[in-house]
Amino acid sequence: MKIKHTLIIFISILISACGGGSSSDNTTPTPTPAPTPAPQPTVNLNGPNSSVYTSVEYEISWTSSNTTSCNAEGSWSGEKSLSGQETFSNAQAGIYTYTLECTGNGGSSASDTVDVTVENNTGTYYRTLTTTDGEVREFIVYVPESASVLQNVPVVFVIHGTGSNGQEFYDHPEKWTPKADAEGFIAVYPTALVHCHFVDGQEMSKTKWASGNLGESDTQLGGLPLCTNERLAKDMEFFDEMVDILRTDYSINDRRIYVTGNSNGAGMGLRLAAERSDIFAAVAVNAGSQSSFLDNVTATRPMSIMVTVGTNDNQFAQAINASVPIPIEESLINSIENIIQPALDVHALDTLYEYSESSIGDAMTGEFLFSISTMGNNNSLRFVIIEGFPHSYSRKLVAPHWDFLKEQSLP
């Protein structure tokens, strides 16, 4: 019987080894859990709710979550904190795009973008500044709607004559203010200070620009002596500071700053042409001439100039010993050469000229064009006499003056 028991045990062991038997373990192994995905990064960028004006500060702020680094693109750049704020101001009008892209732990990223519209502050602005002599100076800045979103806007300084002011030029409904609307440039109307001075021995107190003659004692050369204790205004400093303000507060084109003016304002414009030719691109003036007292000045950049005079200008006729109407003919050069010569010298132009006749509207014109530079420059002086025009600044001068100015720019 011992052999039988041994056989049974052997068979049981064999069955167990082959996986048989009701006591085997069929439990499925527990799978390893999948890793939890990293949270997705988010970015939220915020800017002004409406457009802002040039040179006015505005804020860009941002927050992010599940991020490890952020970088700026577009109108800003560089690595940024995961949340924060920055302040900006722009001197140029336009649309500025700010983009922020942030990266998370898992390598994924998120971004957000804000566009900020910067506009020129349109309208009429009565501005003041104080020169180093303590004088408070006044000027009007007119920014038309047509220039609101433009970059590099041209500027025209409109300079009044003796006894007038910037407001009178600004107010005229058919002169430079409507032209600024149509062409999209900024018009600036400065006002001269009142000076007590002598004209032909007579004392008078009127607004007058320090164009070169004022304050000079040699009346034979056109000097206008000041009254006792009268102080000459720092007009050149005034114009320098106005330009600085325009550059800071408005989106102007530094290469296209122009001057126009009448009578004493024309003389001031021609002084600016002589002494600030690195700032002003061109000058177009009426019924005035460059002071003989600027004869030792040489323009750092000889510029192109347009001077117009009317045949019915009594003051100009007196200056050349003629009567009105002044004839439109080439022989007029004999009477005007002494008046033109100072400007030709300052701007390095030869006395050779071309004469032609044409018209402005229905008014006949005679033009003397001096275009031969003694220094190899490309500048010129156009002296134009216009039929029927008086000493005052006619509205009909705006178009030809602007047509001349807009073609000129600093290099």
Protein backbone atom coordinates (compact mmCIF):
# COMPACT_ATOMS: atom_id res chain seq x y z
CA MET A 1 0.00 0.00 0.00
CA LYS A 2 2.97 2.26 0.43
CA ILE A 3 3.50 2.33 -3.36
CA LYS A 4 -0.11 3.54 -3.93
CA HIS A 5 0.19 6.41 -1.56
CA THR A 6 3.43 7.45 -3.15
CA LEU A 7 1.79 7.52 -6.61
CA ILE A 8 -1.09 9.66 -5.42
CA ILE A 9 1.28 12.21 -3.91
CA PHE A 10 3.31 12.29 -7.13
CA ILE A 11 0.23 12.86 -9.30
CA SER A 12 -0.94 15.66 -6.98
CA ILE A 13 2.40 17.37 -7.21
CA LEU A 14 2.35 17.03 -11.01
CA ILE A 15 -1.13 18.53 -11.32
CA SER A 16 -0.17 21.42 -9.04
CA ALA A 17 2.95 22.11 -11.07
CA CYS A 18 0.92 22.27 -14.29
CA GLY A 19 -1.38 24.96 -12.85
CA GLY A 20 -4.30 22.68 -12.29
CA GLY A 21 -6.39 22.44 -9.22
CA SER A 22 -9.05 24.61 -7.78
CA SER A 23 -6.72 26.42 -5.42
CA SER A 24 -4.73 28.49 -8.20
CA ASP A 25 -4.44 32.43 -7.87
CA ASN A 26 -6.09 34.30 -10.91
CA THR A 27 -5.69 37.97 -9.50
CA THR A 28 -4.83 40.68 -12.28
CA PRO A 29 -1.75 42.85 -11.44
CA THR A 30 -2.58 46.53 -10.52
CA PRO A 31 -1.46 48.92 -13.39
CA THR A 32 0.91 51.83 -12.65
CA PRO A 33 -1.11 55.17 -12.56
CA ALA A 34 -0.51 57.66 -15.46
CA PRO A 35 1.31 60.87 -14.37
CA THR A 36 -0.93 63.88 -13.65
CA PRO A 37 -0.65 66.41 -16.56
CA ALA A 38 0.98 69.76 -15.73
CA PRO A 39 -1.52 72.64 -15.40
CA GLN A 40 -1.80 74.73 -18.58
CA PRO A 41 -0.18 78.18 -18.40
CA THR A 42 -2.35 81.29 -18.75
CA VAL A 43 -1.48 84.93 -19.50
CA ASN A 44 -3.64 88.02 -19.10
CA LEU A 45 -2.34 91.35 -20.52
CA ASN A 46 -4.11 94.67 -19.94
CA GLY A 47 -3.66 98.16 -21.45
CA PRO A 48 -5.58 101.44 -21.78
CA ASN A 49 -9.29 101.16 -22.49
CA SER A 50 -9.10 103.91 -25.12
CA SER A 51 -6.56 105.70 -27.28
CA VAL A 52 -3.96 107.90 -25.58
CA TYR A 53 -2.21 111.07 -26.69
CA THR A 54 1.41 111.41 -27.70
CA SER A 55 3.85 111.78 -24.80
CA VAL A 56 1.11 110.91 -22.25
CA GLU A 57 2.06 107.99 -19.99
CA TYR A 58 0.02 104.79 -20.04
CA GLU A 59 0.34 101.46 -18.24
CA ILE A 60 0.63 97.88 -19.45
CA SER A 61 -0.01 95.29 -16.70
CA TRP A 62 -0.08 91.52 -16.75
CA THR A 63 -0.62 88.38 -14.71
CA SER A 64 0.13 84.75 -15.44
CA SER A 65 -0.43 81.37 -13.79
CA ASN A 66 1.33 78.00 -14.04
CA THR A 67 4.29 79.69 -15.70
CA THR A 68 8.04 79.69 -15.17
CA SER A 69 9.18 82.44 -17.56
CA CYS A 70 7.76 85.27 -19.71
CA ASN A 71 9.15 87.17 -22.72
CA ALA A 72 7.90 90.34 -24.43
CA GLU A 73 7.56 90.89 -28.18
CA GLY A 74 6.35 93.67 -30.49
CA SER A 75 6.57 97.22 -29.12
CA TRP A 76 8.48 95.97 -26.08
CA SER A 77 11.06 93.23 -25.62
CA GLY A 78 13.08 91.22 -23.19
CA GLU A 79 12.39 88.88 -20.29
CA LYS A 80 9.56 89.94 -17.99
CA SER A 81 8.46 88.91 -14.51
CA LEU A 82 5.56 86.45 -14.19
CA SER A 83 3.31 89.36 -13.25
CA GLY A 84 3.85 93.09 -13.16
CA GLN A 85 3.32 96.45 -14.83
CA GLU A 86 5.29 98.93 -16.92
CA THR A 87 4.71 102.55 -17.90
CA PHE A 88 5.18 103.83 -21.45
CA SER A 89 4.86 107.06 -23.42
CA ASN A 90 5.29 107.53 -27.14
CA ALA A 91 6.22 110.72 -28.97
CA GLN A 92 5.00 109.28 -32.27
CA ALA A 93 1.38 108.60 -33.11
CA GLY A 94 0.50 105.10 -34.27
CA ILE A 95 -0.62 101.66 -33.09
CA TYR A 96 1.74 99.98 -30.63
CA THR A 97 1.42 96.19 -30.19
CA TYR A 98 2.46 94.56 -26.90
CA THR A 99 2.68 90.74 -26.80
CA LEU A 100 3.66 88.62 -23.78
CA GLU A 101 4.41 84.88 -24.12
CA CYS A 102 4.89 82.76 -20.99
CA THR A 103 6.11 79.16 -20.73
CA GLY A 104 4.96 76.57 -18.16
CA ASN A 105 6.61 73.57 -16.47
CA GLY A 106 5.58 71.11 -19.14
CA GLY A 107 7.04 73.15 -21.95
CA SER A 108 3.67 74.44 -23.16
CA SER A 109 3.12 78.17 -23.51
CA ALA A 110 0.42 80.84 -23.65
CA SER A 111 0.40 84.42 -24.88
CA ASP A 112 -1.74 87.54 -24.90
CA THR A 113 -1.61 90.76 -26.98
CA VAL A 114 -2.74 94.33 -26.40
CA ASP A 115 -2.83 97.09 -29.06
CA VAL A 116 -2.52 100.71 -27.91
CA THR A 117 -3.51 103.53 -30.25
CA VAL A 118 -1.49 106.72 -29.70
CA GLU A 119 -2.90 109.89 -31.25
CA ASN A 120 -1.82 113.50 -31.61
CA ASN A 121 -3.78 115.66 -29.21
CA THR A 122 -5.91 117.50 -31.75
CA GLY A 123 -7.39 120.94 -31.27
CA THR A 124 -6.18 124.45 -30.44
CA TYR A 125 -3.77 124.89 -27.55
CA TYR A 126 -2.72 128.18 -26.02
CA ARG A 127 0.80 127.56 -24.77
CA THR A 128 3.31 129.63 -22.83
CA LEU A 129 6.97 129.35 -21.97
CA THR A 130 9.45 131.49 -20.09
CA THR A 131 12.76 132.46 -21.67
CA THR A 132 15.94 132.91 -19.66
CA ASP A 133 15.34 136.66 -19.39
CA GLY A 134 12.16 135.95 -17.42
CA GLU A 135 9.78 136.91 -20.22
CA VAL A 136 6.60 134.83 -20.56
CA ARG A 137 6.04 134.07 -24.23
CA GLU A 138 2.80 133.00 -25.85
CA PHE A 139 2.08 130.81 -28.86
CA ILE A 140 -0.85 128.90 -30.31
CA VAL A 141 -0.50 125.30 -31.47
CA TYR A 142 -3.17 124.05 -33.86
CA VAL A 143 -3.32 120.28 -34.45
CA PRO A 144 -6.02 119.40 -37.01
CA GLU A 145 -8.14 116.25 -36.86
CA SER A 146 -6.49 115.20 -40.11
CA ALA A 147 -3.21 114.80 -38.19
CA SER A 148 -4.62 112.84 -35.23
CA VAL A 149 -3.15 109.42 -36.08
CA LEU A 150 -0.38 110.55 -38.43
CA GLN A 151 3.27 110.01 -37.64
CA ASN A 152 5.96 112.52 -38.57
CA VAL A 153 3.61 115.45 -39.02
CA PRO A 154 5.06 118.57 -40.72
CA VAL A 155 5.02 121.88 -38.82
CA VAL A 156 4.52 125.40 -40.16
CA PHE A 157 5.40 128.42 -38.00
CA VAL A 158 3.25 131.38 -39.08
CA ILE A 159 4.87 134.67 -38.01
CA HIS A 160 2.86 137.88 -37.84
CA GLY A 161 4.09 141.37 -38.67
CA THR A 162 4.60 144.54 -36.62
CA GLY A 163 1.68 145.43 -34.34
CA SER A 164 -0.11 142.13 -34.87
CA ASN A 165 -0.16 138.84 -32.91
CA GLY A 166 -0.49 135.11 -33.40
CA GLN A 167 -4.21 135.14 -32.71
CA GLU A 168 -4.94 137.36 -35.72
CA PHE A 169 -3.21 134.98 -38.11
CA TYR A 170 -4.84 131.97 -36.45
CA ASP A 171 -8.32 133.48 -36.67
CA HIS A 172 -8.32 134.13 -40.40
CA PRO A 173 -10.82 131.72 -41.99
CA GLU A 174 -8.98 131.40 -45.30
CA LYS A 175 -5.32 131.29 -44.40
CA TRP A 176 -3.12 128.76 -42.60
CA THR A 177 -5.59 127.15 -40.17
CA PRO A 178 -7.84 125.71 -42.91
CA LYS A 179 -4.73 124.77 -44.89
CA ALA A 180 -3.54 122.74 -41.91
CA ASP A 181 -6.91 120.96 -41.90
CA ALA A 182 -6.61 120.12 -45.59
CA GLU A 183 -2.94 119.06 -45.60
CA GLY A 184 -2.54 117.50 -42.16
CA PHE A 185 0.24 119.65 -40.70
CA ILE A 186 0.57 121.38 -37.33
CA ALA A 187 0.36 125.19 -37.48
CA VAL A 188 2.08 127.29 -34.81
CA TYR A 189 1.26 130.96 -34.25
CA PRO A 190 3.76 132.75 -31.95
CA THR A 191 3.33 136.31 -30.68
CA ALA A 192 6.12 138.90 -30.48
CA LEU A 193 6.72 141.07 -27.45
CA VAL A 194 5.96 144.80 -27.43
CA HIS A 195 9.10 146.87 -27.91
CA CYS A 196 9.45 150.60 -27.48
CA HIS A 197 11.58 151.72 -30.43
CA PHE A 198 12.16 154.52 -32.90
CA VAL A 199 11.16 154.57 -36.57
CA ASP A 200 12.37 157.60 -38.53
CA GLY A 201 12.84 159.39 -35.22
CA GLN A 202 9.32 158.67 -34.02
CA GLU A 203 8.85 156.66 -30.82
CA MET A 204 6.37 153.78 -30.97
CA SER A 205 5.50 150.76 -28.88
CA LYS A 206 4.25 147.76 -30.83
CA THR A 207 4.76 144.04 -31.02
CA LYS A 208 7.87 143.50 -33.09
CA TRP A 209 10.28 140.67 -33.76
CA ALA A 210 14.01 140.92 -33.19
CA SER A 211 14.69 140.10 -36.83
CA GLY A 212 18.03 141.91 -36.96
CA ASN A 213 17.15 145.59 -37.36
CA LEU A 214 15.51 146.05 -33.98
CA GLY A 215 17.92 147.43 -31.40
CA GLU A 216 20.48 148.61 -33.98
CA SER A 217 21.46 152.27 -33.94
CA ASP A 218 22.57 152.67 -37.58
CA THR A 219 19.35 153.94 -39.11
CA GLN A 220 20.96 154.31 -42.54
CA LEU A 221 21.12 150.51 -42.75
CA GLY A 222 17.60 150.13 -41.41
CA GLY A 223 18.40 150.07 -37.70
CA LEU A 224 15.54 150.62 -35.24
CA PRO A 225 16.99 151.95 -31.96
CA LEU A 226 15.29 150.89 -28.75
CA CYS A 227 13.94 153.34 -26.20
CA THR A 228 15.97 153.97 -23.06
CA ASN A 229 15.99 150.96 -20.70
CA GLU A 230 14.14 148.84 -23.28
CA ARG A 231 15.39 145.26 -23.53
CA LEU A 232 15.57 143.25 -26.74
CA ALA A 233 13.54 140.04 -26.61
CA LYS A 234 15.29 136.69 -26.83
CA ASP A 235 13.32 135.68 -29.90
CA MET A 236 15.79 133.08 -31.16
CA GLU A 237 15.63 131.34 -27.79
CA PHE A 238 11.82 131.55 -27.99
CA PHE A 239 11.78 129.67 -31.29
CA ASP A 240 14.30 127.10 -30.03
CA GLU A 241 12.13 126.33 -27.01
CA MET A 242 8.93 126.14 -29.06
CA VAL A 243 10.56 123.53 -31.30
CA ASP A 244 11.67 121.57 -28.24
CA ILE A 245 8.11 121.55 -26.88
CA LEU A 246 6.71 120.39 -30.21
CA ARG A 247 9.23 117.56 -30.37
CA THR A 248 8.25 116.42 -26.88
CA ASP A 249 4.48 116.79 -27.03
CA TYR A 250 3.56 116.02 -30.64
CA SER A 251 4.40 113.50 -33.32
CA ILE A 252 6.28 115.91 -35.59
CA ASN A 253 8.66 115.38 -38.48
CA ASP A 254 12.00 116.91 -37.46
CA ARG A 255 13.03 117.14 -41.10
CA ARG A 256 9.96 119.14 -42.16
CA ILE A 257 9.66 122.20 -39.92
CA TYR A 258 8.85 125.30 -41.99
CA VAL A 259 8.43 129.05 -41.58
CA THR A 260 6.15 131.54 -43.25
CA GLY A 261 5.50 135.13 -42.27
CA ASN A 262 4.66 138.65 -43.34
CA SER A 263 6.56 141.96 -43.18
CA ASN A 264 8.51 142.02 -39.89
CA GLY A 265 7.48 138.37 -39.53
CA ALA A 266 9.08 137.73 -42.92
CA GLY A 267 12.27 139.33 -41.65
CA MET A 268 12.15 137.05 -38.59
CA GLY A 269 11.64 134.07 -40.85
CA LEU A 270 14.70 135.03 -42.87
CA ARG A 271 16.74 135.39 -39.68
CA LEU A 272 15.70 131.86 -38.72
CA ALA A 273 16.77 130.73 -42.18
CA ALA A 274 20.18 132.30 -41.61
CA GLU A 275 20.80 131.21 -38.02
CA ARG A 276 18.71 128.04 -37.60
CA SER A 277 19.06 126.30 -40.94
CA ASP A 278 19.82 123.06 -39.09
CA ILE A 279 16.30 123.14 -37.59
CA PHE A 280 14.08 124.66 -40.28
CA ALA A 281 13.83 123.00 -43.67
CA ALA A 282 12.64 125.99 -45.72
CA VAL A 283 11.18 129.49 -45.50
CA ALA A 284 8.45 131.11 -47.65
CA VAL A 285 7.68 134.71 -46.67
CA ASN A 286 5.97 137.82 -47.96
CA ALA A 287 6.72 141.55 -47.96
CA GLY A 288 9.97 141.36 -46.04
CA SER A 289 13.70 141.00 -46.45
CA GLN A 290 16.71 139.76 -44.54
CA SER A 291 18.29 142.30 -42.23
CA SER A 292 21.55 143.86 -43.40
CA PHE A 293 22.81 143.41 -39.84
CA LEU A 294 23.08 139.66 -40.41
CA ASP A 295 25.84 140.16 -42.98
CA ASN A 296 28.44 138.23 -40.96
CA VAL A 297 26.22 135.16 -40.65
CA THR A 298 26.75 132.07 -42.78
CA ALA A 299 24.03 129.45 -42.72
CA THR A 300 25.27 126.09 -41.49
CA ARG A 301 23.06 124.52 -44.16
CA PRO A 302 22.20 126.89 -47.01
CA MET A 303 18.46 126.46 -47.54
CA SER A 304 15.88 127.16 -50.20
CA ILE A 305 13.84 130.33 -49.73
CA MET A 306 10.81 131.89 -51.40
CA VAL A 307 10.14 135.62 -51.06
CA THR A 308 6.97 137.17 -52.50
CA VAL A 309 6.13 140.85 -52.89
CA GLY A 310 3.04 142.55 -54.31
CA THR A 311 3.11 145.25 -56.98
CA ASN A 312 0.83 147.33 -54.72
CA ASP A 313 3.07 147.04 -51.64
CA ASN A 314 3.68 150.69 -50.69
CA GLN A 315 6.35 149.85 -48.12
CA PHE A 316 8.35 147.77 -50.57
CA ALA A 317 7.95 150.41 -53.27
CA GLN A 318 9.33 153.01 -50.89
CA ALA A 319 12.28 150.74 -50.03
CA ILE A 320 13.30 150.52 -53.69
CA ASN A 321 12.42 154.14 -54.55
CA ALA A 322 9.57 153.12 -56.83
CA SER A 323 5.90 153.94 -57.04
CA VAL A 324 2.96 151.56 -57.10
CA PRO A 325 2.12 149.58 -59.01
CA ILE A 326 5.66 148.26 -59.27
CA PRO A 327 6.20 147.08 -62.85
CA ILE A 328 6.64 143.36 -63.49
CA GLU A 329 9.68 143.28 -65.72
CA GLU A 330 13.21 141.91 -65.67
CA SER A 331 14.74 145.36 -65.23
CA LEU A 332 13.36 145.29 -61.68
CA ILE A 333 16.52 143.40 -60.73
CA ASN A 334 18.40 146.71 -60.69
CA SER A 335 16.14 147.95 -57.89
CA ILE A 336 15.98 144.78 -55.77
CA GLU A 337 19.54 143.48 -55.96
CA ASN A 338 20.62 145.28 -52.79
CA ILE A 339 17.62 143.84 -50.93
CA ILE A 340 18.27 140.30 -52.14
CA GLN A 341 22.06 140.33 -51.73
CA PRO A 342 22.20 139.67 -47.94
CA ALA A 343 20.20 136.45 -48.33
CA LEU A 344 22.27 135.36 -51.33
CA ASP A 345 25.44 135.82 -49.28
CA VAL A 346 24.15 133.91 -46.26
CA HIS A 347 22.94 130.98 -48.35
CA ALA A 348 25.94 130.83 -50.68
CA LEU A 349 24.10 131.70 -53.91
CA ASP A 350 25.54 133.40 -56.97
CA THR A 351 23.97 136.61 -58.31
CA LEU A 352 23.23 134.97 -61.68
CA TYR A 353 19.51 134.35 -62.10
CA GLU A 354 16.80 133.14 -64.45
CA TYR A 355 13.80 135.38 -65.06
CA SER A 356 10.35 134.10 -66.01
CA GLU A 357 6.75 135.31 -65.99
CA SER A 358 3.74 133.27 -64.99
CA SER A 359 0.66 133.69 -62.79
CA ILE A 360 -0.86 132.86 -59.43
CA GLY A 361 -4.54 132.47 -60.10
CA ASP A 362 -5.46 135.44 -62.29
CA ALA A 363 -2.51 137.55 -61.05
CA MET A 364 0.56 137.91 -63.26
CA THR A 365 3.92 137.14 -61.65
CA GLY A 366 7.56 137.81 -62.40
CA GLU A 367 10.11 135.46 -60.85
CA PHE A 368 13.85 135.82 -60.33
CA LEU A 369 15.35 132.38 -59.60
CA PHE A 370 18.82 132.24 -58.03
CA SER A 371 19.88 128.59 -58.12
CA ILE A 372 23.65 128.56 -58.63
CA SER A 373 25.32 127.63 -55.37
CA THR A 374 28.84 128.86 -54.71
CA MET A 375 29.32 125.82 -52.43
CA GLY A 376 27.87 123.12 -54.66
CA ASN A 377 24.59 122.90 -52.74
CA ASN A 378 21.15 122.27 -54.19
CA ASN A 379 19.39 125.27 -52.67
CA SER A 380 17.83 128.29 -54.35
CA LEU A 381 16.15 131.62 -53.72
CA ARG A 382 12.93 132.50 -55.55
CA PHE A 383 11.94 136.16 -55.56
CA VAL A 384 8.41 136.56 -56.95
CA ILE A 385 6.56 139.83 -57.57
CA ILE A 386 2.79 139.41 -57.84
CA GLU A 387 0.37 141.68 -59.66
CA GLY A 388 -2.06 143.61 -57.48
CA PHE A 389 -1.02 142.19 -54.10
CA PRO A 390 -0.65 144.69 -51.21
CA HIS A 391 1.75 144.68 -48.25
CA SER A 392 -0.57 142.53 -46.15
CA TYR A 393 -0.58 138.74 -46.34
CA SER A 394 -3.16 137.67 -48.91
CA ARG A 395 -5.04 134.39 -48.54
CA LYS A 396 -3.96 133.68 -52.12
CA LEU A 397 -0.37 133.30 -50.93
CA VAL A 398 -1.10 130.27 -48.76
CA ALA A 399 -1.27 127.74 -51.61
CA PRO A 400 1.94 128.78 -53.45
CA HIS A 401 3.85 129.13 -50.20
CA TRP A 402 2.76 125.67 -49.03
CA ASP A 403 3.46 124.15 -52.46
CA PHE A 404 7.01 125.48 -52.17
CA LEU A 405 7.57 124.47 -48.54
CA LYS A 406 6.24 120.93 -48.75
CA GLU A 407 8.84 119.95 -51.33
CA GLN A 408 11.73 120.82 -48.99
CA SER A 409 13.18 118.76 -46.15
CA LEU A 410 16.32 118.53 -44.10
CA PRO A 411 18.82 115.91 -45.30
